[in-house]
PDB file of N, CA and C in Angstrom:
ATOM      1  N   UNK A   1       3.734 -32.419  22.884  1.00  0.00           N
ATOM      2  CA  UNK A   1       3.924 -32.391  21.445  1.00  0.00           C
ATOM      3  C   UNK A   1       5.281 -31.769  21.083  1.00  0.00           C
ATOM      4  N   UNK A   2       5.626 -30.706  21.809  1.00  0.00           N
ATOM      5  CA  UNK A   2       6.896 -30.039  21.529  1.00  0.00           C
ATOM      6  C   UNK A   2       8.073 -30.990  21.769  1.00  0.00           C
ATOM      7  N   UNK A   3       7.956 -31.795  22.827  1.00  0.00           N
ATOM      8  CA  UNK A   3       9.017 -32.761  23.125  1.00  0.00           C
ATOM      9  C   UNK A   3       9.215 -33.710  21.950  1.00  0.00           C
ATOM     10  N   UNK A   4       8.154 -34.245  21.399  1.00  0.00           N
ATOM     11  CA  UNK A   4       8.260 -35.175  20.279  1.00  0.00           C
ATOM     12  C   UNK A   4       8.863 -34.499  19.052  1.00  0.00           C
ATOM     13  N   UNK A   5       8.522 -33.229  18.828  1.00  0.00           N
ATOM     14  CA  UNK A   5       9.124 -32.493  17.718  1.00  0.00           C
ATOM     15  C   UNK A   5      10.628 -32.330  17.927  1.00  0.00           C
ATOM     16  N   UNK A   6      11.006 -32.029  19.179  1.00  0.00           N
ATOM     17  CA  UNK A   6      12.431 -31.872  19.490  1.00  0.00           C
ATOM     18  C   UNK A   6      13.188 -33.190  19.316  1.00  0.00           C
ATOM     19  N   UNK A   7      12.577 -34.271  19.761  1.00  0.00           N
ATOM     20  CA  UNK A   7      13.201 -35.594  19.609  1.00  0.00           C
ATOM     21  C   UNK A   7      13.388 -35.920  18.134  1.00  0.00           C
ATOM     22  N   UNK A   8      12.379 -35.651  17.354  1.00  0.00           N
ATOM     23  CA  UNK A   8      12.454 -35.911  15.913  1.00  0.00           C
ATOM     24  C   UNK A   8      13.545 -35.056  15.257  1.00  0.00           C
ATOM     25  N   UNK A   9      13.649 -33.805  15.677  1.00  0.00           N
ATOM     26  CA  UNK A   9      14.673 -32.908  15.128  1.00  0.00           C
ATOM     27  C   UNK A   9      16.072 -33.404  15.492  1.00  0.00           C
ATOM     28  N   UNK A  10      16.254 -33.837  16.740  1.00  0.00           N
ATOM     29  CA  UNK A  10      17.562 -34.354  17.159  1.00  0.00           C
ATOM     30  C   UNK A  10      17.885 -35.661  16.428  1.00  0.00           C
ATOM     31  N   UNK A  11      16.878 -36.492  16.219  1.00  0.00           N
ATOM     32  CA  UNK A  11      17.079 -37.737  15.487  1.00  0.00           C
ATOM     33  C   UNK A  11      17.533 -37.496  14.062  1.00  0.00           C
ATOM     34  N   UNK A  12      17.092 -36.399  13.498  1.00  0.00           N
ATOM     35  CA  UNK A  12      17.500 -36.060  12.136  1.00  0.00           C
ATOM     36  C   UNK A  12      18.949 -35.608  12.040  1.00  0.00           C
ATOM     37  N   UNK A  13      19.537 -35.217  13.163  1.00  0.00           N
ATOM     38  CA  UNK A  13      20.931 -34.761  13.185  1.00  0.00           C
ATOM     39  C   UNK A  13      21.927 -35.907  13.292  1.00  0.00           C
ATOM     40  N   UNK A  14      21.436 -37.105  13.569  1.00  0.00           N
ATOM     41  CA  UNK A  14      22.321 -38.260  13.747  1.00  0.00           C
ATOM     42  C   UNK A  14      22.964 -38.632  12.415  1.00  0.00           C
ATOM     43  N   UNK A  15      24.264 -38.855  12.442  1.00  0.00           N
ATOM     44  CA  UNK A  15      24.974 -39.336  11.261  1.00  0.00           C
ATOM     45  C   UNK A  15      25.167 -40.842  11.414  1.00  0.00           C
ATOM     46  N   UNK A  16      24.428 -41.602  10.657  1.00  0.00           N
ATOM     47  CA  UNK A  16      24.495 -43.053  10.762  1.00  0.00           C
ATOM     48  C   UNK A  16      25.639 -43.574   9.894  1.00  0.00           C
ATOM     49  N   UNK A  17      26.335 -44.634  10.356  1.00  0.00           N
ATOM     50  CA  UNK A  17      27.404 -45.205   9.532  1.00  0.00           C
ATOM     51  C   UNK A  17      26.821 -45.914   8.316  1.00  0.00           C
ATOM     52  N   UNK A  18      27.635 -45.986   7.268  1.00  0.00           N
ATOM     53  CA  UNK A  18      27.195 -46.693   6.071  1.00  0.00           C
ATOM     54  C   UNK A  18      27.248 -48.195   6.317  1.00  0.00           C
ATOM     55  N   UNK A  19      26.633 -48.934   5.428  1.00  0.00           N
ATOM     56  CA  UNK A  19      26.645 -50.391   5.557  1.00  0.00           C
ATOM     57  C   UNK A  19      28.076 -50.921   5.497  1.00  0.00           C
ATOM     58  N   UNK A  20      28.882 -50.343   4.607  1.00  0.00           N
ATOM     59  CA  UNK A  20      30.273 -50.785   4.452  1.00  0.00           C
ATOM     60  C   UNK A  20      31.073 -50.570   5.744  1.00  0.00           C
ATOM     61  N   UNK A  21      30.921 -49.418   6.349  1.00  0.00           N
ATOM     62  CA  UNK A  21      31.626 -49.124   7.599  1.00  0.00           C
ATOM     63  C   UNK A  21      31.173 -50.073   8.706  1.00  0.00           C
ATOM     64  N   UNK A  22      29.887 -50.347   8.761  1.00  0.00           N
ATOM     65  CA  UNK A  22      29.357 -51.261   9.774  1.00  0.00           C
ATOM     66  C   UNK A  22      29.926 -52.665   9.599  1.00  0.00           C
ATOM     67  N   UNK A  23      29.991 -53.146   8.360  1.00  0.00           N
ATOM     68  CA  UNK A  23      30.526 -54.489   8.093  1.00  0.00           C
ATOM     69  C   UNK A  23      32.004 -54.550   8.442  1.00  0.00           C
ATOM     70  N   UNK A  24      32.772 -53.547   8.023  1.00  0.00           N
ATOM     71  CA  UNK A  24      34.211 -53.539   8.301  1.00  0.00           C
ATOM     72  C   UNK A  24      34.469 -53.491   9.804  1.00  0.00           C
ATOM     73  N   UNK A  25      33.728 -52.651  10.507  1.00  0.00           N
ATOM     74  CA  UNK A  25      33.894 -52.547  11.958  1.00  0.00           C
ATOM     75  C   UNK A  25      33.525 -53.856  12.645  1.00  0.00           C
ATOM     76  N   UNK A  26      32.454 -54.495  12.198  1.00  0.00           N
ATOM     77  CA  UNK A  26      32.041 -55.769  12.787  1.00  0.00           C
ATOM     78  C   UNK A  26      33.096 -56.845  12.571  1.00  0.00           C
ATOM     79  N   UNK A  27      33.665 -56.896  11.381  1.00  0.00           N
ATOM     80  CA  UNK A  27      34.720 -57.871  11.099  1.00  0.00           C
ATOM     81  C   UNK A  27      35.940 -57.593  11.973  1.00  0.00           C
ATOM     82  N   UNK A  28      36.298 -56.333  12.138  1.00  0.00           N
ATOM     83  CA  UNK A  28      37.446 -55.983  12.982  1.00  0.00           C
ATOM     84  C   UNK A  28      37.204 -56.407  14.430  1.00  0.00           C
ATOM     85  N   UNK A  29      36.002 -56.198  14.924  1.00  0.00           N
ATOM     86  CA  UNK A  29      35.672 -56.597  16.297  1.00  0.00           C
ATOM     87  C   UNK A  29      35.759 -58.109  16.450  1.00  0.00           C
ATOM     88  N   UNK A  30      35.208 -58.853  15.501  1.00  0.00           N
ATOM     89  CA  UNK A  30      35.268 -60.319  15.581  1.00  0.00           C
ATOM     90  C   UNK A  30      36.702 -60.823  15.488  1.00  0.00           C
ATOM     91  N   UNK A  31      37.520 -60.212  14.632  1.00  0.00           N
ATOM     92  CA  UNK A  31      38.918 -60.618  14.507  1.00  0.00           C
ATOM     93  C   UNK A  31      39.682 -60.357  15.804  1.00  0.00           C
ATOM     94  N   UNK A  32      39.469 -59.199  16.400  1.00  0.00           N
ATOM     95  CA  UNK A  32      40.159 -58.885  17.650  1.00  0.00           C
ATOM     96  C   UNK A  32      39.703 -59.803  18.786  1.00  0.00           C
ATOM     97  N   UNK A  33      38.422 -60.142  18.806  1.00  0.00           N
ATOM     98  CA  UNK A  33      37.919 -61.068  19.825  1.00  0.00           C
ATOM     99  C   UNK A  33      38.558 -62.447  19.638  1.00  0.00           C
ATOM    100  N   UNK A  34      38.707 -62.891  18.402  1.00  0.00           N
ATOM    101  CA  UNK A  34      39.329 -64.180  18.128  1.00  0.00           C
ATOM    102  C   UNK A  34      40.809 -64.159  18.537  1.00  0.00           C
ATOM    103  N   UNK A  35      41.507 -63.119  18.173  1.00  0.00           N
ATOM    104  CA  UNK A  35      42.924 -63.008  18.550  1.00  0.00           C
ATOM    105  C   UNK A  35      43.103 -62.954  20.064  1.00  0.00           C
ATOM    106  N   UNK A  36      42.238 -62.230  20.725  1.00  0.00           N
ATOM    107  CA  UNK A  36      42.315 -62.136  22.182  1.00  0.00           C
ATOM    108  C   UNK A  36      42.052 -63.485  22.827  1.00  0.00           C
ATOM    109  N   UNK A  37      41.074 -64.213  22.335  1.00  0.00           N
ATOM    110  CA  UNK A  37      40.776 -65.522  22.916  1.00  0.00           C
ATOM    111  C   UNK A  37      41.926 -66.495  22.675  1.00  0.00           C
ATOM    112  N   UNK A  38      42.552 -66.440  21.507  1.00  0.00           N
ATOM    113  CA  UNK A  38      43.712 -67.308  21.240  1.00  0.00           C
ATOM    114  C   UNK A  38      44.860 -66.940  22.167  1.00  0.00           C
ATOM    115  N   UNK A  39      45.111 -65.637  22.338  1.00  0.00           N
ATOM    116  CA  UNK A  39      46.175 -65.187  23.222  1.00  0.00           C
ATOM    117  C   UNK A  39      45.970 -65.710  24.641  1.00  0.00           C
ATOM    118  N   UNK A  40      44.764 -65.541  25.186  1.00  0.00           N
ATOM    119  CA  UNK A  40      44.514 -65.986  26.549  1.00  0.00           C
ATOM    120  C   UNK A  40      44.528 -67.508  26.668  1.00  0.00           C
ATOM    121  N   UNK A  41      44.141 -68.213  25.629  1.00  0.00           N
ATOM    122  CA  UNK A  41      44.243 -69.671  25.645  1.00  0.00           C
ATOM    123  C   UNK A  41      45.704 -70.101  25.760  1.00  0.00           C
ATOM    124  N   UNK A  42      46.569 -69.476  24.962  1.00  0.00           N
ATOM    125  CA  UNK A  42      48.000 -69.805  25.000  1.00  0.00           C
ATOM    126  C   UNK A  42      48.590 -69.469  26.365  1.00  0.00           C
ATOM    127  N   UNK A  43      48.267 -68.296  26.893  1.00  0.00           N
ATOM    128  CA  UNK A  43      48.782 -67.898  28.205  1.00  0.00           C
ATOM    129  C   UNK A  43      48.297 -68.872  29.270  1.00  0.00           C
ATOM    130  N   UNK A  44      47.037 -69.261  29.225  1.00  0.00           N
ATOM    131  CA  UNK A  44      46.494 -70.216  30.191  1.00  0.00           C
ATOM    132  C   UNK A  44      47.223 -71.554  30.106  1.00  0.00           C
ATOM    133  N   UNK A  45      47.494 -72.013  28.897  1.00  0.00           N
ATOM    134  CA  UNK A  45      48.213 -73.276  28.736  1.00  0.00           C
ATOM    135  C   UNK A  45      49.628 -73.185  29.297  1.00  0.00           C
ATOM    136  N   UNK A  46      50.305 -72.067  29.060  1.00  0.00           N
ATOM    137  CA  UNK A  46      51.662 -71.883  29.579  1.00  0.00           C
ATOM    138  C   UNK A  46      51.669 -71.816  31.105  1.00  0.00           C
ATOM    139  N   UNK A  47      50.720 -71.122  31.682  1.00  0.00           N
ATOM    140  CA  UNK A  47      50.641 -71.061  33.142  1.00  0.00           C
ATOM    141  C   UNK A  47      50.343 -72.447  33.709  1.00  0.00           C
ATOM    142  N   UNK A  48      49.423 -73.165  33.075  1.00  0.00           N
ATOM    143  CA  UNK A  48      49.107 -74.527  33.517  1.00  0.00           C
ATOM    144  C   UNK A  48      50.318 -75.440  33.425  1.00  0.00           C
ATOM    145  N   UNK A  49      51.078 -75.318  32.348  1.00  0.00           N
ATOM    146  CA  UNK A  49      52.297 -76.111  32.189  1.00  0.00           C
ATOM    147  C   UNK A  49      53.293 -75.773  33.288  1.00  0.00           C
ATOM    148  N   UNK A  50      53.443 -74.485  33.575  1.00  0.00           N
ATOM    149  CA  UNK A  50      54.354 -74.067  34.636  1.00  0.00           C
ATOM    150  C   UNK A  50      53.945 -74.608  35.991  1.00  0.00           C
ATOM    151  N   UNK A  51      52.673 -74.576  36.291  1.00  0.00           N
ATOM    152  CA  UNK A  51      52.179 -75.093  37.571  1.00  0.00           C
ATOM    153  C   UNK A  51      52.413 -76.593  37.658  1.00  0.00           C
ATOM    154  N   UNK A  52      52.150 -77.304  36.571  1.00  0.00           N
ATOM    155  CA  UNK A  52      52.354 -78.761  36.566  1.00  0.00           C
ATOM    156  C   UNK A  52      53.838 -79.100  36.744  1.00  0.00           C
ATOM    157  N   UNK A  53      54.717 -78.359  36.114  1.00  0.00           N
ATOM    158  CA  UNK A  53      56.141 -78.634  36.210  1.00  0.00           C
ATOM    159  C   UNK A  53      56.695 -78.281  37.587  1.00  0.00           C
ATOM    160  N   UNK A  54      56.255 -77.166  38.133  1.00  0.00           N
ATOM    161  CA  UNK A  54      56.784 -76.733  39.428  1.00  0.00           C
ATOM    162  C   UNK A  54      56.194 -77.539  40.573  1.00  0.00           C
ATOM    163  N   UNK A  55      54.887 -77.735  40.579  1.00  0.00           N
ATOM    164  CA  UNK A  55      54.226 -78.388  41.691  1.00  0.00           C
ATOM    165  C   UNK A  55      54.026 -79.884  41.478  1.00  0.00           C
ATOM    166  N   UNK A  56      54.094 -80.324  40.259  1.00  0.00           N
ATOM    167  CA  UNK A  56      53.972 -81.751  39.989  1.00  0.00           C
ATOM    168  C   UNK A  56      52.551 -82.285  40.023  1.00  0.00           C
ATOM    169  N   UNK A  57      51.564 -81.415  39.934  1.00  0.00           N
ATOM    170  CA  UNK A  57      50.172 -81.871  39.851  1.00  0.00           C
ATOM    171  C   UNK A  57      49.353 -80.859  39.067  1.00  0.00           C
ATOM    172  N   UNK A  58      48.102 -81.182  38.874  1.00  0.00           N
ATOM    173  CA  UNK A  58      47.218 -80.280  38.158  1.00  0.00           C
ATOM    174  C   UNK A  58      46.819 -80.810  36.814  1.00  0.00           C
ATOM    175  N   UNK A  59      46.952 -82.079  36.597  1.00  0.00           N
ATOM    176  CA  UNK A  59      46.488 -82.629  35.324  1.00  0.00           C
ATOM    177  C   UNK A  59      47.492 -83.543  34.798  1.00  0.00           C
TER     178      UNK A  59
END
């Protein structure tokens, strides 16, 4: 019983983010994921182009 009381007391000390902070953070994460995927797509295309030009094959 004491353990459950302690858990409940510790749970009450948690500072939860507001809805606004959660939405803003989620949008920032999605934007960074999109930018990162675009960056790696461009880099992959450039490397593929380089391989095709140097070696003459690969697509």
